[in-house]
Amino acid sequence: MHLNDYGEAGLRTLALAYRRLEEKEYSNWNDEFQKAKAAVGADRDAMLERVSEIMEKELILVGATAIE
């Protein structure tokens, strides 16, 4: 069964993935993340989502599991 199948079957899924980052790339991302985390107001969730999406690209899947 594949990861998409787990979700379609209604199972809770957990995936572990990674990618290598240059220190400067992480530092720039972390600056934006800290700003989003400290934000107050209706835009906070959208800011956190945007910054998270930046990091969650080009990942290498290590493994996945699912439970009922």
Protein backbone atom coordinates (compact mmCIF):
# COMPACT_ATOMS: atom_id res chain seq x y z
CA MET A 1 0.00 0.00 0.00
CA HIS A 2 1.29 3.50 -0.82
CA LEU A 3 1.02 6.72 1.17
CA ASN A 4 -1.91 8.02 -0.90
CA ASP A 5 -3.72 4.73 -0.34
CA TYR A 6 -3.34 5.14 3.43
CA GLY A 7 -5.15 8.46 3.35
CA GLU A 8 -7.85 7.19 1.01
CA ALA A 9 -8.40 4.26 3.38
CA GLY A 10 -9.02 6.74 6.22
CA LEU A 11 -5.84 5.87 8.09
CA ARG A 12 -3.75 8.37 10.03
CA THR A 13 -0.41 8.74 8.32
CA LEU A 14 3.06 9.72 9.41
CA ALA A 15 5.84 10.40 6.93
CA LEU A 16 9.51 11.09 7.60
CA ALA A 17 11.41 13.06 4.97
CA TYR A 18 14.44 15.33 4.73
CA ARG A 19 16.52 17.55 2.50
CA ARG A 20 19.93 19.06 2.94
CA LEU A 21 20.10 22.81 3.48
CA GLU A 22 22.90 25.28 3.26
CA GLU A 23 23.34 27.20 6.51
CA LYS A 24 22.40 30.48 4.80
CA GLU A 25 19.19 28.97 3.38
CA TYR A 26 18.17 27.75 6.83
CA SER A 27 19.08 31.08 8.44
CA ASN A 28 16.96 33.03 5.94
CA TRP A 29 14.05 30.63 6.38
CA ASN A 30 14.31 30.74 10.18
CA ASP A 31 14.23 34.55 10.17
CA GLU A 32 10.94 34.42 8.24
CA PHE A 33 9.60 31.65 10.47
CA GLN A 34 10.35 33.62 13.64
CA LYS A 35 8.57 36.68 12.20
CA ALA A 36 5.53 34.57 11.34
CA LYS A 37 5.53 32.88 14.74
CA ALA A 38 5.64 36.24 16.51
CA ALA A 39 2.92 37.79 14.35
CA VAL A 40 -0.34 38.79 15.96
CA GLY A 41 -3.62 38.90 14.11
CA ALA A 42 -5.59 37.12 11.46
CA ASP A 43 -2.60 36.80 9.09
CA ARG A 44 -0.51 34.73 11.52
CA ASP A 45 -1.79 31.32 10.37
CA ALA A 46 -1.40 32.26 6.70
CA MET A 47 2.14 33.50 7.33
CA LEU A 48 3.09 30.28 9.13
CA GLU A 49 1.57 28.19 6.33
CA ARG A 50 3.48 30.13 3.66
CA VAL A 51 6.80 29.82 5.47
CA SER A 52 6.23 26.12 6.14
CA GLU A 53 5.50 25.45 2.48
CA ILE A 54 8.89 26.95 1.58
CA MET A 55 10.66 24.33 3.67
CA GLU A 56 8.43 21.41 2.69
CA LYS A 57 9.63 21.13 -0.93
CA GLU A 58 12.02 18.76 -2.68
CA LEU A 59 12.02 16.36 0.27
CA ILE A 60 13.47 12.86 0.19
CA LEU A 61 11.01 10.38 1.69
CA VAL A 62 12.66 8.12 4.26
CA GLY A 63 9.59 6.18 5.30
CA ALA A 64 5.91 6.26 6.11
CA THR A 65 3.49 4.43 8.33
CA ALA A 66 -0.24 4.42 9.02
CA ILE A 67 -2.59 3.43 11.83
CA GLU A 68 -6.36 3.22 12.18
